[in-house]
Protein backbone atom coordinates (compact mmCIF):
# COMPACT_ATOMS: atom_id res chain seq x y z
CA MET A 1 -33.06 21.79 -92.94
CA GLU A 2 -34.41 19.44 -95.57
CA LEU A 3 -38.04 19.72 -96.55
CA ARG A 4 -40.06 17.00 -98.22
CA PRO A 5 -43.62 16.92 -99.53
CA PHE A 6 -46.37 16.01 -97.08
CA ASP A 7 -47.67 12.48 -97.63
CA PRO A 8 -51.00 11.74 -95.91
CA ALA A 9 -50.40 7.99 -96.27
CA GLU A 10 -47.64 8.26 -93.67
CA HIS A 11 -50.13 9.52 -91.09
CA LEU A 12 -53.04 7.13 -91.64
CA GLN A 13 -52.18 4.70 -88.87
CA THR A 14 -55.49 3.61 -87.37
CA GLU A 15 -58.89 2.61 -88.70
CA GLU A 16 -60.29 5.76 -87.09
CA ASP A 17 -57.71 7.92 -88.93
CA ILE A 18 -58.74 6.32 -92.22
CA LEU A 19 -62.47 6.73 -91.64
CA TYR A 20 -62.16 10.41 -90.68
CA TYR A 21 -59.85 11.08 -93.62
CA LEU A 22 -62.19 9.50 -96.16
CA GLU A 23 -65.23 11.15 -94.58
CA ALA A 24 -63.58 14.56 -94.89
CA ALA A 25 -62.61 13.83 -98.51
CA MET A 26 -66.18 12.90 -99.38
CA GLU A 27 -67.64 16.07 -97.88
CA GLY A 28 -66.27 18.07 -100.79
CA ASN A 29 -68.16 15.87 -103.26
CA ASP A 30 -65.22 16.07 -105.69
CA PRO A 31 -64.70 12.69 -107.37
CA ARG A 32 -61.04 13.37 -108.15
CA HIS A 33 -60.28 14.35 -104.55
CA ILE A 34 -62.11 11.26 -103.27
CA ALA A 35 -60.12 9.00 -105.61
CA SER A 36 -56.87 10.64 -104.53
CA ALA A 37 -57.77 10.26 -100.82
CA LEU A 38 -58.62 6.61 -101.40
CA GLY A 39 -55.23 6.27 -103.07
CA ASP A 40 -53.58 7.72 -99.95
CA VAL A 41 -55.38 5.12 -97.84
CA ALA A 42 -54.42 2.30 -100.20
CA ARG A 43 -50.78 3.39 -100.08
CA SER A 44 -50.92 3.48 -96.27
CA LYS A 45 -52.00 -0.17 -96.31
CA GLY A 46 -49.58 -1.18 -99.05
CA MET A 47 -50.46 -0.91 -102.70
CA THR A 48 -49.08 -4.38 -103.45
CA GLU A 49 -51.42 -5.92 -100.89
CA ILE A 50 -54.42 -3.96 -102.21
CA ALA A 51 -53.55 -5.03 -105.76
CA ARG A 52 -53.40 -8.67 -104.66
CA LYS A 53 -56.74 -8.47 -102.86
CA THR A 54 -58.52 -6.72 -105.73
CA GLY A 55 -56.91 -8.63 -108.58
CA LEU A 56 -55.93 -5.32 -110.19
CA GLY A 57 -52.43 -4.32 -111.22
CA ARG A 58 -50.48 -1.91 -109.04
CA GLN A 59 -50.00 0.53 -111.92
CA ALA A 60 -53.74 0.42 -112.70
CA LEU A 61 -54.47 1.24 -109.05
CA TYR A 62 -51.99 4.12 -108.99
CA THR A 63 -53.53 5.49 -112.18
CA ALA A 64 -57.16 5.10 -111.06
CA LEU A 65 -56.45 6.62 -107.64
CA SER A 66 -54.37 9.55 -108.79
CA GLU A 67 -55.56 13.16 -108.76
CA SER A 68 -56.30 12.79 -112.50
CA GLY A 69 -57.73 9.27 -112.18
CA ASN A 70 -61.34 8.30 -112.66
CA PRO A 71 -61.95 4.84 -111.16
CA THR A 72 -64.97 2.86 -112.25
CA LEU A 73 -67.55 1.89 -109.68
CA GLU A 74 -66.29 -1.69 -109.97
CA THR A 75 -62.74 -0.58 -109.15
CA LEU A 76 -63.94 1.63 -106.32
CA THR A 77 -65.95 -1.13 -104.65
CA ALA A 78 -63.09 -3.62 -105.08
CA ILE A 79 -60.65 -1.25 -103.39
CA LEU A 80 -63.06 -0.46 -100.57
CA GLY A 81 -63.65 -4.17 -100.06
CA ALA A 82 -59.91 -4.83 -99.92
CA LEU A 83 -59.68 -2.15 -97.23
CA GLY A 84 -62.54 -3.70 -95.26
CA LEU A 85 -64.83 -0.77 -96.09
CA GLU A 86 -68.10 -0.44 -97.97
CA LEU A 87 -69.86 2.28 -99.91
CA THR A 88 -73.04 3.57 -98.28
CA VAL A 89 -75.61 6.24 -99.07
CA ARG A 90 -77.38 8.59 -96.69
CA LYS A 91 -79.74 11.50 -97.08
CA SER A 92 -77.95 14.85 -97.18
CA ALA A 93 -78.57 17.41 -94.47
CA ALA A 94 -79.71 20.08 -96.93
């Protein structure tokens, strides 16, 4: 039996999958985890296509959306826009 690392990008097939995945990532309120989850989504859609739509280089996207990345707000909104998503704010339950 051959084992390989789990890659969430391989399982993000539908818009609903993507929305639930990002929502769960944001619940933890960890910026690095959110950036990494957004990177998974971008890879599921094709990093080359996201780079083209945002005008950012593929390597810059991989770096910004890695577990150690720290994307700027400008980069974040560009990526979300390329994915057909937008950043929103709501009052917390607590």
